[in-house]
Amino acid sequence: MGPWYYEVVSFDGDYVNLRRTDIESDELNPVALALLPPEIEVGSKVRCEYFQYEVIG
């Protein structure tokens, strides 16, 4: 499944709001912070494949 590419837009408690960058979309996808790598920050580029997230930029 995937890969999908996202950009970190904001943090909201235990969730991170991600916006898809591989397609045109203004929709935000909330993802549990625990699923993301610890070095995540606003503006990070993230790749998701088989529900595993990795920072790519």
Protein backbone atom coordinates (compact mmCIF):
# COMPACT_ATOMS: atom_id res chain seq x y z
CA MET A 1 0.00 0.00 0.00
CA GLY A 2 1.45 3.30 -1.04
CA PRO A 3 3.84 4.95 -1.07
CA TRP A 4 2.21 8.24 -0.16
CA TYR A 5 4.05 11.47 0.47
CA TYR A 6 3.12 14.07 3.08
CA GLU A 7 4.27 17.30 4.66
CA VAL A 8 3.83 17.93 8.39
CA VAL A 9 1.51 20.93 8.78
CA SER A 10 0.90 21.08 12.54
CA PHE A 11 0.82 19.25 15.85
CA ASP A 12 -2.49 18.83 17.69
CA GLY A 13 -1.95 17.13 21.04
CA ASP A 14 -1.12 13.47 20.38
CA TYR A 15 -1.75 13.88 16.65
CA VAL A 16 0.11 15.36 13.71
CA ASN A 17 -1.73 16.89 10.76
CA LEU A 18 -0.28 15.78 7.44
CA ARG A 19 -1.03 17.13 3.96
CA ARG A 20 -0.50 14.95 0.88
CA THR A 21 2.13 16.26 -1.50
CA ASP A 22 1.99 13.55 -4.19
CA ILE A 23 -1.50 14.67 -5.23
CA GLU A 24 -3.20 18.05 -5.11
CA SER A 25 -5.16 18.18 -1.87
CA ASP A 26 -5.96 20.70 0.86
CA GLU A 27 -7.32 17.99 3.14
CA LEU A 28 -5.38 17.25 6.33
CA ASN A 29 -4.81 13.71 7.53
CA PRO A 30 -4.45 13.39 11.34
CA VAL A 31 -1.97 10.67 12.34
CA ALA A 32 -1.09 9.54 15.87
CA LEU A 33 2.25 10.99 16.93
CA ALA A 34 3.30 7.56 18.23
CA LEU A 35 3.31 6.19 14.64
CA LEU A 36 5.79 8.79 13.39
CA PRO A 37 9.57 8.96 13.84
CA PRO A 38 10.71 10.98 16.89
CA GLU A 39 12.59 13.55 14.78
CA ILE A 40 9.38 14.77 13.12
CA GLU A 41 8.77 18.54 13.08
CA VAL A 42 6.57 21.04 11.25
CA GLY A 43 7.68 21.19 7.61
CA SER A 44 9.16 17.66 7.57
CA LYS A 45 8.58 15.60 4.43
CA VAL A 46 7.28 12.12 5.21
CA ARG A 47 6.89 8.95 3.16
CA CYS A 48 4.30 6.35 4.17
CA GLU A 49 4.27 2.80 2.85
CA TYR A 50 2.41 -0.09 4.50
CA PHE A 51 1.62 2.26 7.42
CA GLN A 52 5.30 2.80 8.19
CA TYR A 53 6.38 6.43 8.20
CA GLU A 54 9.86 7.74 7.48
CA VAL A 55 11.25 11.26 7.27
CA ILE A 56 12.67 11.99 3.80
CA GLY A 57 13.35 15.69 4.10
